[in-house]
PDB file of N, CA and C in Angstrom:
ATOM      1  N   UNK A   1       0.852  -1.170   0.000  1.00  0.00           N
ATOM      2  CA  UNK A   1       0.000   0.000   0.000  1.00  0.00           C
ATOM      3  C   UNK A   1       0.901   1.238   0.000  1.00  0.00           C
ATOM      4  N   UNK A   2       0.519   2.220  -0.751  1.00  0.00           N
ATOM      5  CA  UNK A   2       1.344   3.427  -0.826  1.00  0.00           C
ATOM      6  C   UNK A   2       1.072   4.345   0.366  1.00  0.00           C
ATOM      7  N   UNK A   3       1.873   5.376   0.483  1.00  0.00           N
ATOM      8  CA  UNK A   3       1.755   6.300   1.624  1.00  0.00           C
ATOM      9  C   UNK A   3       0.426   7.045   1.638  1.00  0.00           C
ATOM     10  N   UNK A   4      -0.099   7.337   0.458  1.00  0.00           N
ATOM     11  CA  UNK A   4      -1.371   8.055   0.389  1.00  0.00           C
ATOM     12  C   UNK A   4      -2.484   7.198   0.994  1.00  0.00           C
ATOM     13  N   UNK A   5      -2.482   5.906   0.676  1.00  0.00           N
ATOM     14  CA  UNK A   5      -3.485   5.001   1.218  1.00  0.00           C
ATOM     15  C   UNK A   5      -3.355   4.848   2.722  1.00  0.00           C
ATOM     16  N   UNK A   6      -2.106   4.807   3.205  1.00  0.00           N
ATOM     17  CA  UNK A   6      -1.874   4.708   4.648  1.00  0.00           C
ATOM     18  C   UNK A   6      -2.348   5.967   5.357  1.00  0.00           C
ATOM     19  N   UNK A   7      -2.133   7.102   4.729  1.00  0.00           N
ATOM     20  CA  UNK A   7      -2.575   8.372   5.312  1.00  0.00           C
ATOM     21  C   UNK A   7      -4.085   8.437   5.423  1.00  0.00           C
ATOM     22  N   UNK A   8      -4.764   7.977   4.396  1.00  0.00           N
ATOM     23  CA  UNK A   8      -6.230   7.972   4.411  1.00  0.00           C
ATOM     24  C   UNK A   8      -6.733   7.033   5.505  1.00  0.00           C
ATOM     25  N   UNK A   9      -6.122   5.859   5.617  1.00  0.00           N
ATOM     26  CA  UNK A   9      -6.522   4.935   6.681  1.00  0.00           C
ATOM     27  C   UNK A   9      -6.270   5.532   8.061  1.00  0.00           C
ATOM     28  N   UNK A  10      -5.159   6.230   8.219  1.00  0.00           N
ATOM     29  CA  UNK A  10      -4.855   6.876   9.499  1.00  0.00           C
ATOM     30  C   UNK A  10      -5.905   7.932   9.834  1.00  0.00           C
ATOM     31  N   UNK A  11      -6.282   8.735   8.845  1.00  0.00           N
ATOM     32  CA  UNK A  11      -7.308   9.765   9.067  1.00  0.00           C
ATOM     33  C   UNK A  11      -8.648   9.137   9.424  1.00  0.00           C
ATOM     34  N   UNK A  12      -8.994   8.053   8.753  1.00  0.00           N
ATOM     35  CA  UNK A  12     -10.244   7.369   9.075  1.00  0.00           C
ATOM     36  C   UNK A  12     -10.203   6.805  10.494  1.00  0.00           C
ATOM     37  N   UNK A  13      -9.064   6.281  10.893  1.00  0.00           N
ATOM     38  CA  UNK A  13      -8.916   5.760  12.249  1.00  0.00           C
ATOM     39  C   UNK A  13      -9.066   6.851  13.291  1.00  0.00           C
ATOM     40  N   UNK A  14      -8.440   7.983  13.036  1.00  0.00           N
ATOM     41  CA  UNK A  14      -8.548   9.119  13.958  1.00  0.00           C
ATOM     42  C   UNK A  14      -9.992   9.618  14.020  1.00  0.00           C
ATOM     43  N   UNK A  15     -10.634   9.717  12.871  1.00  0.00           N
ATOM     44  CA  UNK A  15     -12.024  10.179  12.840  1.00  0.00           C
ATOM     45  C   UNK A  15     -12.931   9.201  13.582  1.00  0.00           C
ATOM     46  N   UNK A  16     -12.700   7.903  13.396  1.00  0.00           N
ATOM     47  CA  UNK A  16     -13.500   6.906  14.106  1.00  0.00           C
ATOM     48  C   UNK A  16     -13.288   6.985  15.606  1.00  0.00           C
ATOM     49  N   UNK A  17     -12.049   7.176  16.030  1.00  0.00           N
ATOM     50  CA  UNK A  17     -11.765   7.320  17.451  1.00  0.00           C
ATOM     51  C   UNK A  17     -12.403   8.560  18.040  1.00  0.00           C
ATOM     52  N   UNK A  18     -12.345   9.665  17.300  1.00  0.00           N
ATOM     53  CA  UNK A  18     -12.958  10.917  17.766  1.00  0.00           C
ATOM     54  C   UNK A  18     -14.472  10.755  17.887  1.00  0.00           C
ATOM     55  N   UNK A  19     -15.075  10.089  16.926  1.00  0.00           N
ATOM     56  CA  UNK A  19     -16.526   9.852  16.978  1.00  0.00           C
ATOM     57  C   UNK A  19     -16.880   8.986  18.170  1.00  0.00           C
ATOM     58  N   UNK A  20     -16.106   7.936  18.411  1.00  0.00           N
ATOM     59  CA  UNK A  20     -16.386   7.058  19.545  1.00  0.00           C
ATOM     60  C   UNK A  20     -16.238   7.813  20.859  1.00  0.00           C
ATOM     61  N   UNK A  21     -15.207   8.663  20.962  1.00  0.00           N
ATOM     62  CA  UNK A  21     -15.009   9.462  22.166  1.00  0.00           C
ATOM     63  C   UNK A  21     -16.195  10.400  22.391  1.00  0.00           C
ATOM     64  N   UNK A  22     -16.614  11.084  21.328  1.00  0.00           N
ATOM     65  CA  UNK A  22     -17.747  11.997  21.425  1.00  0.00           C
ATOM     66  C   UNK A  22     -19.018  11.246  21.822  1.00  0.00           C
ATOM     67  N   UNK A  23     -19.233  10.091  21.206  1.00  0.00           N
ATOM     68  CA  UNK A  23     -20.416   9.293  21.497  1.00  0.00           C
ATOM     69  C   UNK A  23     -20.417   8.859  22.964  1.00  0.00           C
ATOM     70  N   UNK A  24     -19.266   8.406  23.468  1.00  0.00           N
ATOM     71  CA  UNK A  24     -19.161   7.959  24.853  1.00  0.00           C
ATOM     72  C   UNK A  24     -19.423   9.118  25.818  1.00  0.00           C
ATOM     73  N   UNK A  25     -18.865  10.280  25.512  1.00  0.00           N
ATOM     74  CA  UNK A  25     -19.046  11.443  26.388  1.00  0.00           C
ATOM     75  C   UNK A  25     -20.508  11.872  26.462  1.00  0.00           C
ATOM     76  N   UNK A  26     -21.279  11.608  25.408  1.00  0.00           N
ATOM     77  CA  UNK A  26     -22.684  12.014  25.379  1.00  0.00           C
ATOM     78  C   UNK A  26     -23.636  10.923  25.871  1.00  0.00           C
ATOM     79  N   UNK A  27     -23.113   9.797  26.321  1.00  0.00           N
ATOM     80  CA  UNK A  27     -23.969   8.721  26.835  1.00  0.00           C
ATOM     81  C   UNK A  27     -24.437   9.061  28.244  1.00  0.00           C
ATOM     82  N   UNK A  28     -25.593   8.511  28.577  1.00  0.00           N
ATOM     83  CA  UNK A  28     -26.075   8.643  29.949  1.00  0.00           C
ATOM     84  C   UNK A  28     -25.258   7.721  30.850  1.00  0.00           C
ATOM     85  N   UNK A  29     -25.251   7.970  32.153  1.00  0.00           N
ATOM     86  CA  UNK A  29     -24.517   7.083  33.061  1.00  0.00           C
ATOM     87  C   UNK A  29     -24.973   5.617  32.960  1.00  0.00           C
ATOM     88  N   UNK A  30     -26.256   5.398  32.709  1.00  0.00           N
ATOM     89  CA  UNK A  30     -26.769   4.033  32.566  1.00  0.00           C
ATOM     90  C   UNK A  30     -26.195   3.364  31.318  1.00  0.00           C
ATOM     91  N   UNK A  31     -26.131   4.111  30.233  1.00  0.00           N
ATOM     92  CA  UNK A  31     -25.567   3.562  28.994  1.00  0.00           C
ATOM     93  C   UNK A  31     -24.075   3.273  29.156  1.00  0.00           C
ATOM     94  N   UNK A  32     -23.358   4.155  29.859  1.00  0.00           N
ATOM     95  CA  UNK A  32     -21.940   3.934  30.109  1.00  0.00           C
ATOM     96  C   UNK A  32     -21.740   2.664  30.933  1.00  0.00           C
ATOM     97  N   UNK A  33     -22.600   2.462  31.949  1.00  0.00           N
ATOM     98  CA  UNK A  33     -22.478   1.277  32.791  1.00  0.00           C
ATOM     99  C   UNK A  33     -22.773   0.013  31.988  1.00  0.00           C
ATOM    100  N   UNK A  34     -23.770   0.069  31.095  1.00  0.00           N
ATOM    101  CA  UNK A  34     -24.070  -1.086  30.230  1.00  0.00           C
ATOM    102  C   UNK A  34     -22.868  -1.424  29.361  1.00  0.00           C
ATOM    103  N   UNK A  35     -22.237  -0.394  28.801  1.00  0.00           N
ATOM    104  CA  UNK A  35     -21.068  -0.595  27.946  1.00  0.00           C
ATOM    105  C   UNK A  35     -19.917  -1.205  28.744  1.00  0.00           C
ATOM    106  N   UNK A  36     -19.687  -0.700  29.949  1.00  0.00           N
ATOM    107  CA  UNK A  36     -18.629  -1.239  30.806  1.00  0.00           C
ATOM    108  C   UNK A  36     -18.921  -2.690  31.178  1.00  0.00           C
ATOM    109  N   UNK A  37     -20.185  -2.981  31.506  1.00  0.00           N
ATOM    110  CA  UNK A  37     -20.561  -4.353  31.858  1.00  0.00           C
ATOM    111  C   UNK A  37     -20.350  -5.304  30.682  1.00  0.00           C
ATOM    112  N   UNK A  38     -20.720  -4.839  29.491  1.00  0.00           N
ATOM    113  CA  UNK A  38     -20.542  -5.669  28.299  1.00  0.00           C
ATOM    114  C   UNK A  38     -19.058  -5.919  28.025  1.00  0.00           C
ATOM    115  N   UNK A  39     -18.222  -4.896  28.217  1.00  0.00           N
ATOM    116  CA  UNK A  39     -16.784  -5.061  28.013  1.00  0.00           C
ATOM    117  C   UNK A  39     -16.210  -6.033  29.038  1.00  0.00           C
ATOM    118  N   UNK A  40     -16.660  -5.939  30.279  1.00  0.00           N
ATOM    119  CA  UNK A  40     -16.195  -6.859  31.324  1.00  0.00           C
ATOM    120  C   UNK A  40     -16.618  -8.288  31.014  1.00  0.00           C
ATOM    121  N   UNK A  41     -17.860  -8.453  30.593  1.00  0.00           N
ATOM    122  CA  UNK A  41     -18.372  -9.791  30.244  1.00  0.00           C
ATOM    123  C   UNK A  41     -17.588 -10.383  29.081  1.00  0.00           C
ATOM    124  N   UNK A  42     -17.317  -9.578  28.078  1.00  0.00           N
ATOM    125  CA  UNK A  42     -16.549 -10.043  26.928  1.00  0.00           C
ATOM    126  C   UNK A  42     -15.135 -10.427  27.351  1.00  0.00           C
ATOM    127  N   UNK A  43     -14.530  -9.628  28.199  1.00  0.00           N
ATOM    128  CA  UNK A  43     -13.197  -9.940  28.701  1.00  0.00           C
ATOM    129  C   UNK A  43     -13.169 -11.255  29.464  1.00  0.00           C
ATOM    130  N   UNK A  44     -14.194 -11.476  30.279  1.00  0.00           N
ATOM    131  CA  UNK A  44     -14.266 -12.731  31.039  1.00  0.00           C
ATOM    132  C   UNK A  44     -14.425 -13.933  30.116  1.00  0.00           C
ATOM    133  N   UNK A  45     -15.225 -13.780  29.067  1.00  0.00           N
ATOM    134  CA  UNK A  45     -15.406 -14.875  28.107  1.00  0.00           C
ATOM    135  C   UNK A  45     -14.091 -15.183  27.387  1.00  0.00           C
ATOM    136  N   UNK A  46     -13.356 -14.140  27.030  1.00  0.00           N
ATOM    137  CA  UNK A  46     -12.069 -14.337  26.350  1.00  0.00           C
ATOM    138  C   UNK A  46     -11.096 -15.059  27.270  1.00  0.00           C
ATOM    139  N   UNK A  47     -11.045 -14.652  28.544  1.00  0.00           N
ATOM    140  CA  UNK A  47     -10.158 -15.313  29.507  1.00  0.00           C
ATOM    141  C   UNK A  47     -10.531 -16.785  29.663  1.00  0.00           C
ATOM    142  N   UNK A  48     -11.835 -17.062  29.717  1.00  0.00           N
ATOM    143  CA  UNK A  48     -12.303 -18.444  29.860  1.00  0.00           C
ATOM    144  C   UNK A  48     -11.887 -19.292  28.659  1.00  0.00           C
ATOM    145  N   UNK A  49     -12.098 -18.767  27.474  1.00  0.00           N
ATOM    146  CA  UNK A  49     -11.730 -19.499  26.261  1.00  0.00           C
ATOM    147  C   UNK A  49     -10.217 -19.683  26.171  1.00  0.00           C
ATOM    148  N   UNK A  50      -9.457 -18.670  26.555  1.00  0.00           N
ATOM    149  CA  UNK A  50      -8.004 -18.784  26.536  1.00  0.00           C
ATOM    150  C   UNK A  50      -7.540 -19.881  27.483  1.00  0.00           C
ATOM    151  N   UNK A  51      -8.184 -19.983  28.636  1.00  0.00           N
ATOM    152  CA  UNK A  51      -7.864 -21.044  29.579  1.00  0.00           C
ATOM    153  C   UNK A  51      -8.167 -22.412  29.007  1.00  0.00           C
ATOM    154  N   UNK A  52      -9.305 -22.528  28.317  1.00  0.00           N
ATOM    155  CA  UNK A  52      -9.672 -23.800  27.689  1.00  0.00           C
ATOM    156  C   UNK A  52      -8.654 -24.188  26.616  1.00  0.00           C
ATOM    157  N   UNK A  53      -8.242 -23.219  25.830  1.00  0.00           N
ATOM    158  CA  UNK A  53      -7.260 -23.487  24.772  1.00  0.00           C
ATOM    159  C   UNK A  53      -5.927 -23.910  25.394  1.00  0.00           C
ATOM    160  N   UNK A  54      -5.536 -23.224  26.450  1.00  0.00           N
ATOM    161  CA  UNK A  54      -4.285 -23.566  27.124  1.00  0.00           C
ATOM    162  C   UNK A  54      -4.351 -24.994  27.677  1.00  0.00           C
ATOM    163  N   UNK A  55      -5.483 -25.361  28.273  1.00  0.00           N
ATOM    164  CA  UNK A  55      -5.632 -26.719  28.799  1.00  0.00           C
ATOM    165  C   UNK A  55      -5.550 -27.755  27.675  1.00  0.00           C
ATOM    166  N   UNK A  56      -6.206 -27.478  26.558  1.00  0.00           N
ATOM    167  CA  UNK A  56      -6.187 -28.394  25.422  1.00  0.00           C
ATOM    168  C   UNK A  56      -4.773 -28.558  24.880  1.00  0.00           C
ATOM    169  N   UNK A  57      -4.062 -27.443  24.757  1.00  0.00           N
ATOM    170  CA  UNK A  57      -2.685 -27.502  24.253  1.00  0.00           C
ATOM    171  C   UNK A  57      -1.807 -28.285  25.214  1.00  0.00           C
ATOM    172  N   UNK A  58      -1.986 -28.071  26.507  1.00  0.00           N
ATOM    173  CA  UNK A  58      -1.191 -28.806  27.501  1.00  0.00           C
ATOM    174  C   UNK A  58      -1.455 -30.301  27.414  1.00  0.00           C
ATOM    175  N   UNK A  59      -2.730 -30.677  27.247  1.00  0.00           N
ATOM    176  CA  UNK A  59      -3.075 -32.099  27.120  1.00  0.00           C
ATOM    177  C   UNK A  59      -2.424 -32.713  25.888  1.00  0.00           C
ATOM    178  N   UNK A  60      -2.501 -32.012  24.765  1.00  0.00           N
ATOM    179  CA  UNK A  60      -1.909 -32.517  23.525  1.00  0.00           C
ATOM    180  C   UNK A  60      -0.393 -32.627  23.654  1.00  0.00           C
ATOM    181  N   UNK A  61       0.226 -31.648  24.299  1.00  0.00           N
ATOM    182  CA  UNK A  61       1.667 -31.674  24.505  1.00  0.00           C
ATOM    183  C   UNK A  61       2.057 -32.885  25.346  1.00  0.00           C
ATOM    184  N   UNK A  62       1.320 -33.117  26.425  1.00  0.00           N
ATOM    185  CA  UNK A  62       1.612 -34.272  27.283  1.00  0.00           C
ATOM    186  C   UNK A  62       1.438 -35.589  26.519  1.00  0.00           C
ATOM    187  N   UNK A  63       0.400 -35.664  25.687  1.00  0.00           N
ATOM    188  CA  UNK A  63       0.184 -36.876  24.892  1.00  0.00           C
ATOM    189  C   UNK A  63       1.347 -37.102  23.936  1.00  0.00           C
ATOM    190  N   UNK A  64       1.772 -36.060  23.252  1.00  0.00           N
ATOM    191  CA  UNK A  64       2.891 -36.188  22.310  1.00  0.00           C
ATOM    192  C   UNK A  64       4.188 -36.543  23.035  1.00  0.00           C
ATOM    193  N   UNK A  65       4.412 -35.926  24.188  1.00  0.00           N
ATOM    194  CA  UNK A  65       5.622 -36.204  24.957  1.00  0.00           C
ATOM    195  C   UNK A  65       5.635 -37.662  25.409  1.00  0.00           C
ATOM    196  N   UNK A  66       4.486 -38.155  25.889  1.00  0.00           N
ATOM    197  CA  UNK A  66       4.408 -39.547  26.319  1.00  0.00           C
ATOM    198  C   UNK A  66       4.584 -40.508  25.147  1.00  0.00           C
ATOM    199  N   UNK A  67       4.015 -40.159  24.010  1.00  0.00           N
ATOM    200  CA  UNK A  67       4.162 -41.001  22.828  1.00  0.00           C
ATOM    201  C   UNK A  67       5.627 -41.041  22.377  1.00  0.00           C
ATOM    202  N   UNK A  68       6.297 -39.898  22.456  1.00  0.00           N
ATOM    203  CA  UNK A  68       7.704 -39.850  22.066  1.00  0.00           C
ATOM    204  C   UNK A  68       8.561 -40.680  23.019  1.00  0.00           C
ATOM    205  N   UNK A  69       8.268 -40.609  24.304  1.00  0.00           N
ATOM    206  CA  UNK A  69       9.006 -41.410  25.282  1.00  0.00           C
ATOM    207  C   UNK A  69       8.795 -42.897  25.027  1.00  0.00           C
ATOM    208  N   UNK A  70       7.552 -43.266  24.728  1.00  0.00           N
ATOM    209  CA  UNK A  70       7.240 -44.669  24.453  1.00  0.00           C
ATOM    210  C   UNK A  70       7.995 -45.155  23.228  1.00  0.00           C
ATOM    211  N   UNK A  71       8.006 -44.328  22.170  1.00  0.00           N
ATOM    212  CA  UNK A  71       8.723 -44.694  20.958  1.00  0.00           C
ATOM    213  C   UNK A  71      10.233 -44.831  21.242  1.00  0.00           C
ATOM    214  N   UNK A  72      10.760 -43.917  22.036  1.00  0.00           N
ATOM    215  CA  UNK A  72      12.183 -43.983  22.362  1.00  0.00           C
ATOM    216  C   UNK A  72      12.504 -45.254  23.156  1.00  0.00           C
ATOM    217  N   UNK A  73      11.633 -45.602  24.081  1.00  0.00           N
ATOM    218  CA  UNK A  73      11.822 -46.826  24.863  1.00  0.00           C
ATOM    219  C   UNK A  73      11.706 -48.074  23.984  1.00  0.00           C
ATOM    220  N   UNK A  74      10.744 -48.068  23.081  1.00  0.00           N
ATOM    221  CA  UNK A  74      10.568 -49.194  22.166  1.00  0.00           C
ATOM    222  C   UNK A  74      11.787 -49.327  21.245  1.00  0.00           C
ATOM    223  N   UNK A  75      12.341 -48.206  20.852  1.00  0.00           N
ATOM    224  CA  UNK A  75      13.491 -48.227  19.945  1.00  0.00           C
ATOM    225  C   UNK A  75      14.736 -48.757  20.652  1.00  0.00           C
ATOM    226  N   UNK A  76      14.923 -48.403  21.923  1.00  0.00           N
ATOM    227  CA  UNK A  76      16.106 -48.843  22.645  1.00  0.00           C
ATOM    228  C   UNK A  76      16.004 -50.305  23.063  1.00  0.00           C
ATOM    229  N   UNK A  77      14.795 -50.810  23.176  1.00  0.00           N
ATOM    230  CA  UNK A  77      14.633 -52.225  23.589  1.00  0.00           C
ATOM    231  C   UNK A  77      14.596 -53.117  22.413  1.00  0.00           C
TER     232      UNK A  77
END
């Protein structure tokens, strides 16, 4: 992408951020709390899924490690 395209994307990003800031500042306290609650809920879901993925990866790693040890033992015997 050329510099002109990057500049346009940067301006759009800044404009989007400014709009979001303005929108947030004009929200009622109830709307702000709903937004915060939704962000917290989303964060908790991401943490939960990340934990599940980590557990799955750990299980697969242990299975592969055990299989490799078994193969090494079979090869030496």
